[in-house]
PDB file of N, CA and C in Angstrom:
ATOM      1  N   UNK A   1     226.103 109.982 -40.497  1.00  0.00           N
ATOM      2  CA  UNK A   1     224.859 110.668 -40.680  1.00  0.00           C
ATOM      3  C   UNK A   1     223.714 109.673 -40.470  1.00  0.00           C
ATOM      4  N   UNK A   2     222.740 110.053 -39.710  1.00  0.00           N
ATOM      5  CA  UNK A   2     221.615 109.208 -39.362  1.00  0.00           C
ATOM      6  C   UNK A   2     220.428 109.491 -40.287  1.00  0.00           C
ATOM      7  N   UNK A   3     219.713 108.457 -40.673  1.00  0.00           N
ATOM      8  CA  UNK A   3     218.541 108.618 -41.535  1.00  0.00           C
ATOM      9  C   UNK A   3     217.415 109.275 -40.734  1.00  0.00           C
ATOM     10  N   UNK A   4     216.871 110.409 -41.189  1.00  0.00           N
ATOM     11  CA  UNK A   4     215.870 111.126 -40.408  1.00  0.00           C
ATOM     12  C   UNK A   4     214.491 110.480 -40.414  1.00  0.00           C
ATOM     13  N   UNK A   5     214.190 109.676 -41.412  1.00  0.00           N
ATOM     14  CA  UNK A   5     212.887 109.023 -41.499  1.00  0.00           C
ATOM     15  C   UNK A   5     213.087 107.585 -41.940  1.00  0.00           C
ATOM     16  N   UNK A   6     212.093 106.753 -41.655  1.00  0.00           N
ATOM     17  CA  UNK A   6     212.199 105.372 -42.084  1.00  0.00           C
ATOM     18  C   UNK A   6     210.878 104.656 -41.959  1.00  0.00           C
ATOM     19  N   UNK A   7     210.845 103.477 -42.561  1.00  0.00           N
ATOM     20  CA  UNK A   7     209.646 102.650 -42.530  1.00  0.00           C
ATOM     21  C   UNK A   7     210.070 101.186 -42.603  1.00  0.00           C
ATOM     22  N   UNK A   8     209.280 100.330 -41.965  1.00  0.00           N
ATOM     23  CA  UNK A   8     209.567  98.903 -42.002  1.00  0.00           C
ATOM     24  C   UNK A   8     208.250  98.143 -42.044  1.00  0.00           C
ATOM     25  N   UNK A   9     208.196  97.139 -42.916  1.00  0.00           N
ATOM     26  CA  UNK A   9     207.012  96.306 -43.051  1.00  0.00           C
ATOM     27  C   UNK A   9     207.245  95.046 -42.251  1.00  0.00           C
ATOM     28  N   UNK A  10     206.261  94.644 -41.453  1.00  0.00           N
ATOM     29  CA  UNK A  10     206.429  93.489 -40.595  1.00  0.00           C
ATOM     30  C   UNK A  10     205.423  92.388 -40.862  1.00  0.00           C
ATOM     31  N   UNK A  11     205.558  91.330 -40.122  1.00  0.00           N
ATOM     32  CA  UNK A  11     204.718  90.147 -40.235  1.00  0.00           C
ATOM     33  C   UNK A  11     203.281  90.475 -39.845  1.00  0.00           C
ATOM     34  N   UNK A  12     202.318  89.955 -40.568  1.00  0.00           N
ATOM     35  CA  UNK A  12     200.918  90.150 -40.213  1.00  0.00           C
ATOM     36  C   UNK A  12     200.336  91.480 -40.648  1.00  0.00           C
ATOM     37  N   UNK A  13     200.930  92.110 -41.631  1.00  0.00           N
ATOM     38  CA  UNK A  13     200.383  93.357 -42.151  1.00  0.00           C
ATOM     39  C   UNK A  13     200.689  94.587 -41.328  1.00  0.00           C
ATOM     40  N   UNK A  14     201.760  94.553 -40.558  1.00  0.00           N
ATOM     41  CA  UNK A  14     202.147  95.704 -39.735  1.00  0.00           C
ATOM     42  C   UNK A  14     203.119  96.592 -40.512  1.00  0.00           C
ATOM     43  N   UNK A  15     202.932  97.891 -40.383  1.00  0.00           N
ATOM     44  CA  UNK A  15     203.822  98.864 -40.999  1.00  0.00           C
ATOM     45  C   UNK A  15     204.199  99.876 -39.928  1.00  0.00           C
ATOM     46  N   UNK A  16     205.493 100.067 -39.711  1.00  0.00           N
ATOM     47  CA  UNK A  16     205.981 101.013 -38.709  1.00  0.00           C
ATOM     48  C   UNK A  16     206.784 102.087 -39.428  1.00  0.00           C
ATOM     49  N   UNK A  17     206.497 103.340 -39.089  1.00  0.00           N
ATOM     50  CA  UNK A  17     207.257 104.447 -39.663  1.00  0.00           C
ATOM     51  C   UNK A  17     207.701 105.379 -38.545  1.00  0.00           C
ATOM     52  N   UNK A  18     208.775 106.110 -38.800  1.00  0.00           N
ATOM     53  CA  UNK A  18     209.254 107.068 -37.804  1.00  0.00           C
ATOM     54  C   UNK A  18     209.774 108.315 -38.501  1.00  0.00           C
ATOM     55  N   UNK A  19     209.737 109.406 -37.763  1.00  0.00           N
ATOM     56  CA  UNK A  19     210.259 110.679 -38.252  1.00  0.00           C
ATOM     57  C   UNK A  19     210.673 111.506 -37.048  1.00  0.00           C
ATOM     58  N   UNK A  20     211.489 112.517 -37.234  1.00  0.00           N
ATOM     59  CA  UNK A  20     211.868 113.373 -36.102  1.00  0.00           C
ATOM     60  C   UNK A  20     210.622 114.024 -35.491  1.00  0.00           C
ATOM     61  N   UNK A  21     210.611 114.129 -34.164  1.00  0.00           N
ATOM     62  CA  UNK A  21     209.441 114.702 -33.504  1.00  0.00           C
ATOM     63  C   UNK A  21     209.394 116.216 -33.629  1.00  0.00           C
ATOM     64  N   UNK A  22     210.507 116.832 -33.977  1.00  0.00           N
ATOM     65  CA  UNK A  22     210.566 118.279 -34.158  1.00  0.00           C
ATOM     66  C   UNK A  22     211.225 118.566 -35.501  1.00  0.00           C
ATOM     67  N   UNK A  23     211.016 119.751 -36.044  1.00  0.00           N
ATOM     68  CA  UNK A  23     211.736 120.096 -37.277  1.00  0.00           C
ATOM     69  C   UNK A  23     213.245 119.971 -37.058  1.00  0.00           C
ATOM     70  N   UNK A  24     213.953 119.762 -38.129  1.00  0.00           N
ATOM     71  CA  UNK A  24     215.409 119.605 -38.036  1.00  0.00           C
ATOM     72  C   UNK A  24     216.038 120.784 -37.309  1.00  0.00           C
ATOM     73  N   UNK A  25     216.775 120.461 -36.271  1.00  0.00           N
ATOM     74  CA  UNK A  25     217.468 121.488 -35.490  1.00  0.00           C
ATOM     75  C   UNK A  25     218.953 121.188 -35.510  1.00  0.00           C
ATOM     76  N   UNK A  26     219.725 122.158 -35.159  1.00  0.00           N
ATOM     77  CA  UNK A  26     221.167 121.978 -35.086  1.00  0.00           C
ATOM     78  C   UNK A  26     221.622 122.227 -33.674  1.00  0.00           C
ATOM     79  N   UNK A  27     222.074 121.305 -32.919  1.00  0.00           N
ATOM     80  CA  UNK A  27     222.205 119.882 -33.192  1.00  0.00           C
ATOM     81  C   UNK A  27     220.857 119.167 -33.030  1.00  0.00           C
ATOM     82  N   UNK A  28     220.687 118.021 -33.672  1.00  0.00           N
ATOM     83  CA  UNK A  28     219.433 117.277 -33.565  1.00  0.00           C
ATOM     84  C   UNK A  28     219.201 116.769 -32.145  1.00  0.00           C
ATOM     85  N   UNK A  29     217.939 116.722 -31.737  1.00  0.00           N
ATOM     86  CA  UNK A  29     217.605 116.283 -30.375  1.00  0.00           C
ATOM     87  C   UNK A  29     217.601 114.772 -30.237  1.00  0.00           C
ATOM     88  N   UNK A  30     217.369 114.055 -31.321  1.00  0.00           N
ATOM     89  CA  UNK A  30     217.397 112.599 -31.269  1.00  0.00           C
ATOM     90  C   UNK A  30     216.054 111.961 -30.970  1.00  0.00           C
ATOM     91  N   UNK A  31     215.024 112.738 -30.670  1.00  0.00           N
ATOM     92  CA  UNK A  31     213.725 112.131 -30.393  1.00  0.00           C
ATOM     93  C   UNK A  31     212.931 111.971 -31.687  1.00  0.00           C
ATOM     94  N   UNK A  32     212.120 110.912 -31.727  1.00  0.00           N
ATOM     95  CA  UNK A  32     211.356 110.595 -32.932  1.00  0.00           C
ATOM     96  C   UNK A  32     209.910 110.284 -32.593  1.00  0.00           C
ATOM     97  N   UNK A  33     209.042 110.461 -33.570  1.00  0.00           N
ATOM     98  CA  UNK A  33     207.657 110.023 -33.475  1.00  0.00           C
ATOM     99  C   UNK A  33     207.561 108.703 -34.227  1.00  0.00           C
ATOM    100  N   UNK A  34     206.925 107.718 -33.603  1.00  0.00           N
ATOM    101  CA  UNK A  34     206.795 106.394 -34.202  1.00  0.00           C
ATOM    102  C   UNK A  34     205.315 106.116 -34.427  1.00  0.00           C
ATOM    103  N   UNK A  35     204.983 105.621 -35.603  1.00  0.00           N
ATOM    104  CA  UNK A  35     203.602 105.314 -35.962  1.00  0.00           C
ATOM    105  C   UNK A  35     203.499 103.854 -36.382  1.00  0.00           C
ATOM    106  N   UNK A  36     202.463 103.179 -35.886  1.00  0.00           N
ATOM    107  CA  UNK A  36     202.186 101.798 -36.291  1.00  0.00           C
ATOM    108  C   UNK A  36     200.875 101.774 -37.055  1.00  0.00           C
ATOM    109  N   UNK A  37     200.886 101.085 -38.176  1.00  0.00           N
ATOM    110  CA  UNK A  37     199.703 100.970 -39.017  1.00  0.00           C
ATOM    111  C   UNK A  37     199.441  99.496 -39.304  1.00  0.00           C
ATOM    112  N   UNK A  38     198.178  99.143 -39.433  1.00  0.00           N
ATOM    113  CA  UNK A  38     197.795  97.805 -39.875  1.00  0.00           C
ATOM    114  C   UNK A  38     197.337  97.899 -41.319  1.00  0.00           C
ATOM    115  N   UNK A  39     198.022  97.205 -42.191  1.00  0.00           N
ATOM    116  CA  UNK A  39     197.658  97.183 -43.604  1.00  0.00           C
ATOM    117  C   UNK A  39     197.030  95.835 -43.918  1.00  0.00           C
ATOM    118  N   UNK A  40     195.739  95.795 -43.892  1.00  0.00           N
ATOM    119  CA  UNK A  40     195.030  94.544 -44.121  1.00  0.00           C
ATOM    120  C   UNK A  40     194.457  94.555 -45.530  1.00  0.00           C
ATOM    121  N   UNK A  41     194.997  93.691 -46.359  1.00  0.00           N
ATOM    122  CA  UNK A  41     194.465  93.546 -47.708  1.00  0.00           C
ATOM    123  C   UNK A  41     193.743  92.220 -47.856  1.00  0.00           C
ATOM    124  N   UNK A  42     194.138  91.243 -47.045  1.00  0.00           N
ATOM    125  CA  UNK A  42     193.505  89.932 -47.051  1.00  0.00           C
ATOM    126  C   UNK A  42     193.258  89.514 -45.615  1.00  0.00           C
ATOM    127  N   UNK A  43     192.011  89.573 -45.177  1.00  0.00           N
ATOM    128  CA  UNK A  43     191.689  89.239 -43.789  1.00  0.00           C
ATOM    129  C   UNK A  43     192.057  87.803 -43.451  1.00  0.00           C
ATOM    130  N   UNK A  44     191.883  86.875 -44.380  1.00  0.00           N
ATOM    131  CA  UNK A  44     192.202  85.476 -44.092  1.00  0.00           C
ATOM    132  C   UNK A  44     193.700  85.293 -43.860  1.00  0.00           C
ATOM    133  N   UNK A  45     194.523  86.051 -44.571  1.00  0.00           N
ATOM    134  CA  UNK A  45     195.973  85.958 -44.386  1.00  0.00           C
ATOM    135  C   UNK A  45     196.376  86.441 -42.998  1.00  0.00           C
ATOM    136  N   UNK A  46     195.777  87.528 -42.544  1.00  0.00           N
ATOM    137  CA  UNK A  46     196.081  88.044 -41.209  1.00  0.00           C
ATOM    138  C   UNK A  46     195.644  87.043 -40.155  1.00  0.00           C
ATOM    139  N   UNK A  47     194.494  86.442 -40.350  1.00  0.00           N
ATOM    140  CA  UNK A  47     194.000  85.441 -39.405  1.00  0.00           C
ATOM    141  C   UNK A  47     194.947  84.244 -39.330  1.00  0.00           C
ATOM    142  N   UNK A  48     195.390  83.762 -40.483  1.00  0.00           N
ATOM    143  CA  UNK A  48     196.311  82.617 -40.505  1.00  0.00           C
ATOM    144  C   UNK A  48     197.664  82.966 -39.897  1.00  0.00           C
ATOM    145  N   UNK A  49     198.164  84.168 -40.153  1.00  0.00           N
ATOM    146  CA  UNK A  49     199.464  84.550 -39.592  1.00  0.00           C
ATOM    147  C   UNK A  49     199.379  84.719 -38.078  1.00  0.00           C
ATOM    148  N   UNK A  50     198.250  85.218 -37.580  1.00  0.00           N
ATOM    149  CA  UNK A  50     198.057  85.343 -36.132  1.00  0.00           C
ATOM    150  C   UNK A  50     198.023  83.962 -35.482  1.00  0.00           C
ATOM    151  N   UNK A  51     197.339  83.038 -36.134  1.00  0.00           N
ATOM    152  CA  UNK A  51     197.272  81.660 -35.636  1.00  0.00           C
ATOM    153  C   UNK A  51     198.665  81.026 -35.626  1.00  0.00           C
ATOM    154  N   UNK A  52     199.449  81.272 -36.660  1.00  0.00           N
ATOM    155  CA  UNK A  52     200.809  80.743 -36.748  1.00  0.00           C
ATOM    156  C   UNK A  52     201.701  81.336 -35.660  1.00  0.00           C
ATOM    157  N   UNK A  53     201.623  82.652 -35.453  1.00  0.00           N
ATOM    158  CA  UNK A  53     202.411  83.301 -34.398  1.00  0.00           C
ATOM    159  C   UNK A  53     202.080  82.719 -33.030  1.00  0.00           C
ATOM    160  N   UNK A  54     200.792  82.490 -32.767  1.00  0.00           N
ATOM    161  CA  UNK A  54     200.383  81.925 -31.481  1.00  0.00           C
ATOM    162  C   UNK A  54     200.970  80.528 -31.293  1.00  0.00           C
ATOM    163  N   UNK A  55     200.967  79.727 -32.342  1.00  0.00           N
ATOM    164  CA  UNK A  55     201.520  78.373 -32.255  1.00  0.00           C
ATOM    165  C   UNK A  55     203.021  78.408 -32.005  1.00  0.00           C
ATOM    166  N   UNK A  56     203.720  79.344 -32.617  1.00  0.00           N
ATOM    167  CA  UNK A  56     205.168  79.455 -32.421  1.00  0.00           C
ATOM    168  C   UNK A  56     205.492  79.946 -31.014  1.00  0.00           C
ATOM    169  N   UNK A  57     204.774  80.962 -30.550  1.00  0.00           N
ATOM    170  CA  UNK A  57     205.050  81.529 -29.232  1.00  0.00           C
ATOM    171  C   UNK A  57     204.746  80.535 -28.124  1.00  0.00           C
ATOM    172  N   UNK A  58     203.759  79.695 -28.348  1.00  0.00           N
ATOM    173  CA  UNK A  58     203.405  78.690 -27.360  1.00  0.00           C
ATOM    174  C   UNK A  58     204.582  77.744 -27.138  1.00  0.00           C
ATOM    175  N   UNK A  59     205.275  77.400 -28.209  1.00  0.00           N
ATOM    176  CA  UNK A  59     206.467  76.571 -28.104  1.00  0.00           C
ATOM    177  C   UNK A  59     206.200  75.090 -27.942  1.00  0.00           C
ATOM    178  N   UNK A  60     204.931  74.701 -27.868  1.00  0.00           N
ATOM    179  CA  UNK A  60     204.609  73.281 -27.722  1.00  0.00           C
ATOM    180  C   UNK A  60     204.489  72.641 -29.101  1.00  0.00           C
ATOM    181  N   UNK A  61     205.041  71.468 -29.217  1.00  0.00           N
ATOM    182  CA  UNK A  61     204.978  70.768 -30.496  1.00  0.00           C
ATOM    183  C   UNK A  61     203.547  70.398 -30.853  1.00  0.00           C
ATOM    184  N   UNK A  62     202.704  70.170 -29.847  1.00  0.00           N
ATOM    185  CA  UNK A  62     201.319  69.795 -30.132  1.00  0.00           C
ATOM    186  C   UNK A  62     200.574  70.928 -30.831  1.00  0.00           C
ATOM    187  N   UNK A  63     200.868  72.178 -30.467  1.00  0.00           N
ATOM    188  CA  UNK A  63     200.224  73.321 -31.118  1.00  0.00           C
ATOM    189  C   UNK A  63     200.641  73.412 -32.578  1.00  0.00           C
ATOM    190  N   UNK A  64     201.927  73.235 -32.830  1.00  0.00           N
ATOM    191  CA  UNK A  64     202.419  73.282 -34.205  1.00  0.00           C
ATOM    192  C   UNK A  64     201.892  72.104 -35.021  1.00  0.00           C
ATOM    193  N   UNK A  65     201.839  70.941 -34.388  1.00  0.00           N
ATOM    194  CA  UNK A  65     201.333  69.754 -35.083  1.00  0.00           C
ATOM    195  C   UNK A  65     199.858  69.937 -35.438  1.00  0.00           C
ATOM    196  N   UNK A  66     199.071  70.494 -34.510  1.00  0.00           N
ATOM    197  CA  UNK A  66     197.651  70.731 -34.770  1.00  0.00           C
ATOM    198  C   UNK A  66     197.468  71.722 -35.916  1.00  0.00           C
ATOM    199  N   UNK A  67     198.303  72.742 -35.951  1.00  0.00           N
ATOM    200  CA  UNK A  67     198.234  73.722 -37.034  1.00  0.00           C
ATOM    201  C   UNK A  67     198.572  73.067 -38.376  1.00  0.00           C
ATOM    202  N   UNK A  68     199.599  72.237 -38.391  1.00  0.00           N
ATOM    203  CA  UNK A  68     199.983  71.539 -39.626  1.00  0.00           C
ATOM    204  C   UNK A  68     198.889  70.570 -40.072  1.00  0.00           C
ATOM    205  N   UNK A  69     198.293  69.850 -39.121  1.00  0.00           N
ATOM    206  CA  UNK A  69     197.203  68.931 -39.456  1.00  0.00           C
ATOM    207  C   UNK A  69     196.020  69.687 -40.055  1.00  0.00           C
ATOM    208  N   UNK A  70     195.694  70.816 -39.465  1.00  0.00           N
ATOM    209  CA  UNK A  70     194.586  71.630 -39.967  1.00  0.00           C
ATOM    210  C   UNK A  70     194.867  72.094 -41.395  1.00  0.00           C
ATOM    211  N   UNK A  71     196.108  72.553 -41.641  1.00  0.00           N
ATOM    212  CA  UNK A  71     196.475  73.022 -42.976  1.00  0.00           C
ATOM    213  C   UNK A  71     196.428  71.883 -43.997  1.00  0.00           C
ATOM    214  N   UNK A  72     196.858  70.697 -43.608  1.00  0.00           N
ATOM    215  CA  UNK A  72     196.854  69.576 -44.552  1.00  0.00           C
ATOM    216  C   UNK A  72     195.428  69.134 -44.870  1.00  0.00           C
ATOM    217  N   UNK A  73     194.503  69.257 -43.918  1.00  0.00           N
ATOM    218  CA  UNK A  73     193.104  68.906 -44.172  1.00  0.00           C
ATOM    219  C   UNK A  73     192.435  69.931 -45.080  1.00  0.00           C
ATOM    220  N   UNK A  74     192.866  71.191 -44.997  1.00  0.00           N
ATOM    221  CA  UNK A  74     192.291  72.247 -45.827  1.00  0.00           C
ATOM    222  C   UNK A  74     192.781  72.177 -47.268  1.00  0.00           C
ATOM    223  N   UNK A  75     193.909  71.509 -47.488  1.00  0.00           N
ATOM    224  CA  UNK A  75     194.495  71.455 -48.842  1.00  0.00           C
ATOM    225  C   UNK A  75     193.782  70.474 -49.733  1.00  0.00           C
TER     226      UNK A  75
END
C-alpha cells in the first residue's frame, strides 16, 4: 500500500508536500500534485545556508576555506 500524501523538510527552509492529483479512484492513477514552500523563520540562517551550499557545490577548497575563515572571524 502506497502512502497517498506526504511531506519532507529540506535544507534551507524548504518544505515539499505531495498529494494525489485526483480524488481516490479505483485503481489509482498514480499521478500526484507536488508543492514547494519556503519556510523562512530566520533570514540570516537561510543566507548562511545558501552561502554554505554554494561553497560545497563549487567543490574548490579555497571556497570552503574562505567560508571557514569568515565564520572564525565572526565568532
